[in-house]
Protein backbone atom coordinates (compact mmCIF):
# COMPACT_ATOMS: atom_id res chain seq x y z
CA MET A 1 80.25 93.87 96.37
CA ILE A 2 78.43 92.74 93.22
CA ALA A 3 80.33 95.10 90.90
CA LYS A 4 83.64 93.72 92.13
CA ILE A 5 82.53 90.16 91.43
CA LEU A 6 81.11 90.90 88.00
CA LEU A 7 83.91 93.19 86.87
CA GLY A 8 86.69 91.43 88.74
CA PRO A 9 88.71 90.09 85.78
CA LEU A 10 88.51 93.42 83.90
CA LEU A 11 89.41 95.46 87.00
CA LEU A 12 92.36 93.19 87.72
CA TRP A 13 93.64 93.48 84.14
CA GLN A 14 93.24 97.26 84.13
CA GLY A 15 94.98 97.57 87.50
CA ARG A 16 97.97 95.56 86.29
CA ARG A 17 98.18 97.58 83.09
CA VAL A 18 98.08 100.89 84.99
CA ARG A 19 100.88 99.75 87.29
CA ALA A 20 102.98 98.68 84.30
CA THR A 21 102.51 101.81 82.18
CA ALA A 22 102.00 104.68 84.67
CA LEU A 23 104.41 107.60 84.67
CA ARG A 24 106.37 107.40 87.94
CA LEU A 25 107.25 110.80 89.37
CA PRO A 26 109.75 111.22 92.23
CA GLU A 27 108.95 112.47 95.69
CA ALA A 28 109.56 116.20 96.13
CA ALA A 29 113.18 117.13 96.79
CA GLY A 30 114.35 119.07 99.81
CA PRO A 31 114.55 118.78 103.60
CA ARG A 32 111.84 116.86 105.45
CA ALA A 33 111.85 119.04 108.54
CA ALA A 34 111.96 122.75 109.37
CA GLU A 35 112.18 124.80 112.55
CA GLY A 36 109.43 127.16 113.63
CA SER A 37 108.14 128.81 116.79
CA ALA A 38 104.43 129.40 116.17
CA LEU A 39 103.28 125.82 115.70
CA ARG A 40 104.82 122.39 115.07
CA LEU A 41 103.37 119.92 112.55
CA LEU A 42 103.85 116.18 112.08
CA ILE A 43 102.79 115.09 108.57
CA VAL A 44 102.41 111.35 107.99
CA GLY A 45 101.38 109.66 104.80
CA ASP A 46 101.89 108.37 101.31
CA SER A 47 103.13 109.81 98.01
CA SER A 48 100.92 112.90 98.19
CA ALA A 49 102.24 113.71 101.66
CA ALA A 50 105.75 113.13 100.27
CA GLY A 51 105.06 115.71 97.54
CA VAL A 52 104.97 113.58 94.39
CA GLY A 53 103.88 115.95 91.62
CA ALA A 54 105.89 118.89 92.99
CA ALA A 55 109.57 119.52 92.34
CA HIS A 56 110.47 120.67 95.86
CA GLN A 57 108.94 120.40 99.34
CA GLY A 58 108.44 124.16 99.29
CA GLU A 59 105.69 123.74 96.69
CA ALA A 60 104.39 120.43 98.06
CA LEU A 61 101.94 119.88 100.91
CA ALA A 62 104.35 120.30 103.83
CA GLY A 63 105.96 123.49 102.58
CA ARG A 64 102.73 125.05 101.38
CA LEU A 65 101.01 124.26 104.69
CA ALA A 66 103.84 125.77 106.72
CA GLN A 67 103.70 128.90 104.53
CA ALA A 68 99.91 129.19 104.83
CA LEU A 69 99.99 128.84 108.62
CA ALA A 70 102.87 131.30 108.95
CA VAL A 71 100.78 133.91 107.12
CA ARG A 72 97.82 133.28 109.44
CA LEU A 73 99.85 133.21 112.66
CA GLY A 74 102.52 135.77 111.82
CA GLN A 75 105.37 133.46 112.86
CA PRO A 76 107.36 130.61 111.31
CA VAL A 77 105.87 127.14 111.59
CA GLY A 78 107.94 124.02 112.21
CA TRP A 79 107.23 120.67 110.59
CA GLN A 80 108.41 117.09 110.26
CA LEU A 81 107.49 114.81 107.36
CA VAL A 82 107.24 111.02 107.64
CA ALA A 83 105.93 109.88 104.26
CA THR A 84 106.74 107.33 101.57
CA SER A 85 105.26 106.68 98.13
CA GLY A 86 103.05 103.60 98.01
CA HIS A 87 102.45 103.35 101.74
CA ARG A 88 99.19 102.02 103.04
CA SER A 89 98.01 103.07 106.50
CA GLU A 90 99.64 100.10 108.23
CA GLN A 91 102.97 100.79 106.51
CA ALA A 92 102.78 104.46 107.50
CA LEU A 93 102.22 103.35 111.08
CA ALA A 94 105.37 101.21 110.96
CA SER A 95 107.39 104.12 109.55
CA LEU A 96 106.10 106.44 112.25
CA ALA A 97 106.92 103.92 114.97
CA ALA A 98 110.50 103.66 113.66
CA ALA A 99 111.02 107.42 113.29
CA GLU A 100 112.65 109.76 115.78
CA LEU A 101 109.86 112.23 116.41
CA ALA A 102 110.21 115.89 117.31
CA PRO A 103 107.57 117.49 119.55
CA ALA A 104 104.46 118.45 117.56
CA ASP A 105 101.15 120.20 118.15
CA VAL A 106 99.26 118.87 115.14
CA LEU A 107 99.26 115.56 113.27
CA ILE A 108 98.19 115.58 109.62
CA THR A 109 97.63 112.26 107.84
CA SER A 110 97.33 111.79 104.09
CA LEU A 111 96.43 108.13 103.68
CA GLY A 112 93.77 105.96 102.08
CA VAL A 113 94.53 105.92 98.36
CA ASN A 114 96.87 102.94 98.58
CA ASP A 115 94.48 101.18 100.95
CA VAL A 116 91.84 101.56 98.23
CA VAL A 117 94.17 100.46 95.43
CA ASP A 118 95.34 97.41 97.39
CA GLN A 119 91.79 96.62 98.51
CA VAL A 120 92.48 96.89 102.24
CA ALA A 121 89.29 96.73 104.30
CA PRO A 122 88.41 100.19 105.68
CA SER A 123 88.24 98.76 109.19
CA LYS A 124 91.86 97.59 108.95
CA ALA A 125 93.07 100.92 107.56
CA LEU A 126 91.17 102.87 110.22
CA ALA A 127 92.65 100.72 112.98
CA ALA A 128 96.09 101.76 111.74
CA LEU A 129 95.01 105.43 111.70
CA ASP A 130 93.81 105.07 115.30
CA ARG A 131 97.25 103.81 116.27
CA ILE A 132 98.99 106.57 114.31
CA HIS A 133 96.94 109.14 116.24
CA ALA A 134 97.70 107.43 119.56
CA LEU A 135 101.42 107.16 118.79
CA ALA A 136 101.69 110.80 117.71
CA THR A 137 99.86 111.88 120.87
CA GLU A 138 102.02 109.78 123.18
CA ARG A 139 105.44 110.34 121.62
CA ALA A 140 105.17 113.82 120.07
CA GLY A 141 102.56 115.47 122.29
CA VAL A 142 100.10 116.12 119.47
CA ARG A 143 96.95 117.97 120.54
CA LEU A 144 94.97 117.77 117.29
CA SER A 145 94.90 115.17 114.51
CA VAL A 146 93.57 116.17 111.09
CA HIS A 147 92.95 113.18 108.83
CA CYS A 148 92.73 114.12 105.14
CA ALA A 149 89.97 112.29 103.29
CA ALA A 150 90.84 110.21 100.26
CA PRO A 151 90.65 112.22 97.00
CA PRO A 152 87.97 111.77 94.30
CA MET A 153 89.59 108.85 92.51
CA GLN A 154 86.70 108.71 90.05
CA GLN A 155 88.29 111.82 88.45
CA PHE A 156 91.87 110.55 88.16
CA PRO A 157 92.85 110.77 84.45
CA LEU A 158 95.35 107.93 84.82
CA LEU A 159 92.65 105.40 85.60
CA PRO A 160 90.54 103.87 82.81
CA GLN A 161 86.87 103.09 83.18
CA PRO A 162 85.43 101.14 84.95
CA LEU A 163 88.47 101.03 87.28
CA ARG A 164 88.15 104.78 87.82
CA TRP A 165 84.51 104.43 88.85
CA PHE A 166 85.27 101.46 91.09
CA PHE A 167 88.10 103.16 92.95
CA GLY A 168 85.96 106.29 93.32
CA ARG A 169 83.27 104.22 95.02
CA GLN A 170 85.84 102.58 97.29
CA ALA A 171 87.39 105.94 98.21
CA ALA A 172 83.95 107.30 99.14
CA ARG A 173 83.39 104.22 101.28
CA PHE A 174 86.70 104.79 103.04
CA ASN A 175 85.84 108.45 103.67
CA ALA A 176 82.44 107.60 105.14
CA ALA A 177 84.02 105.08 107.49
CA LEU A 178 86.73 107.57 108.49
CA SER A 179 84.20 110.31 109.27
CA ALA A 180 82.13 107.92 111.36
CA ALA A 181 85.20 106.65 113.22
CA VAL A 182 86.38 110.08 114.42
CA SER A 183 82.95 111.56 115.02
CA GLY A 184 82.65 112.88 118.57
CA GLN A 185 86.41 112.87 119.22
CA ALA A 186 87.43 116.40 120.13
CA SER A 187 91.08 115.82 119.27
CA ARG A 188 90.46 114.37 115.80
CA CYS A 189 88.73 115.61 112.66
CA VAL A 190 88.48 114.83 108.95
CA LEU A 191 89.37 117.33 106.23
CA GLN A 192 87.49 116.90 102.96
CA LEU A 193 89.48 118.21 100.02
CA PRO A 194 88.55 121.71 98.81
CA GLU A 195 85.64 121.92 96.38
CA ALA A 196 87.94 122.90 93.52
CA MET A 197 89.89 119.67 94.01
CA GLN A 198 86.67 117.70 94.14
CA SER A 199 85.08 119.17 91.01
CA ASN A 200 88.19 119.96 88.93
CA ALA A 201 90.63 117.33 90.13
CA ALA A 202 92.10 116.63 86.69
CA GLU A 203 93.00 120.29 86.11
CA LEU A 204 94.92 120.49 89.39
CA MET A 205 96.89 117.28 88.92
CA ALA A 206 100.48 116.59 87.99
CA GLU A 207 101.39 115.14 84.61
CA ASP A 208 101.02 111.57 85.92
CA GLY A 209 97.25 112.03 86.28
CA PHE A 210 97.32 110.62 89.80
CA HIS A 211 98.90 113.19 92.16
CA PRO A 212 98.27 116.89 92.84
CA GLY A 213 100.37 119.46 91.06
CA PRO A 214 101.68 122.60 92.81
CA ARG A 215 98.34 124.42 92.43
CA GLY A 216 96.51 121.49 93.95
CA TYR A 217 98.90 121.34 96.88
CA ALA A 218 98.44 125.07 97.50
CA LEU A 219 94.64 124.75 97.64
CA TRP A 220 94.86 121.70 99.87
CA ALA A 221 97.29 123.46 102.22
CA ASP A 222 95.04 126.52 102.53
CA ALA A 223 92.09 124.33 103.55
CA LEU A 224 94.26 122.47 106.04
CA ALA A 225 95.59 125.71 107.51
CA ASP A 226 92.07 127.02 108.10
CA GLN A 227 91.05 123.71 109.71
CA ILE A 228 94.07 123.74 112.04
CA VAL A 229 93.55 127.36 113.14
CA ILE A 230 89.89 126.66 113.87
CA GLY A 231 90.57 123.28 115.50
CA LEU A 232 93.12 124.73 117.94
CA GLY A 233 91.24 127.99 118.44
CA LEU A 234 94.24 130.06 117.37
CA PRO A 235 94.09 133.78 116.62
CA SER A 236 94.61 134.31 112.92
CA ARG A 237 95.76 137.35 110.98
CA SER A 238 94.36 136.01 107.74
CA MET A 239 91.94 133.29 106.68
CA ALA A 240 91.67 131.98 103.12
CA THR A 241 88.54 133.05 101.27
């Protein structure tokens, strides 16, 4: 990529400075599993899956998604979270392989940002996602895998220009490769983030300028809940508008 070659020294300097000065928020507190009868979720991923930017799992992705699905299905939803801040797709695969998995109907992955930051080739990251899907299917009985697309990194307030622009381009490249990779697979799909998170990402972010805040997680969870209900063909009492 010509931009990477020409801007390489500046991008490297900016990346190091961001790592050194960024506000580091903790992962959301609270249990990483919950019982439920209507549906069982397995959530695998990085810091956003782990709820960085929210105080408690109840207002992070896992809790919000379970709440949104419970409203639609009229019954409690169970979930298990396997997520760690900083994980790339290959590291998430290793964590999943080492975890004791409960039975699950749906796999949700939130990965890609750290692959972009660490300049992992999309093909390598997608190979890890393929294996995560296969492992979740074999060991947990997952019937549907929903892979969340990388967020619009070109809007992250933490990142200076041109690093922000560069990572945005790389995230879009990752998303295009992900969509192409799962195309035609009935048991896998890609969820693009809601339009509000695409166009107003900064307003929905936590104070670190890099992760969703509680409002962002709620919007993301609503979109995921709709995708899961549609993907499994479930009857729903309520669909987000």
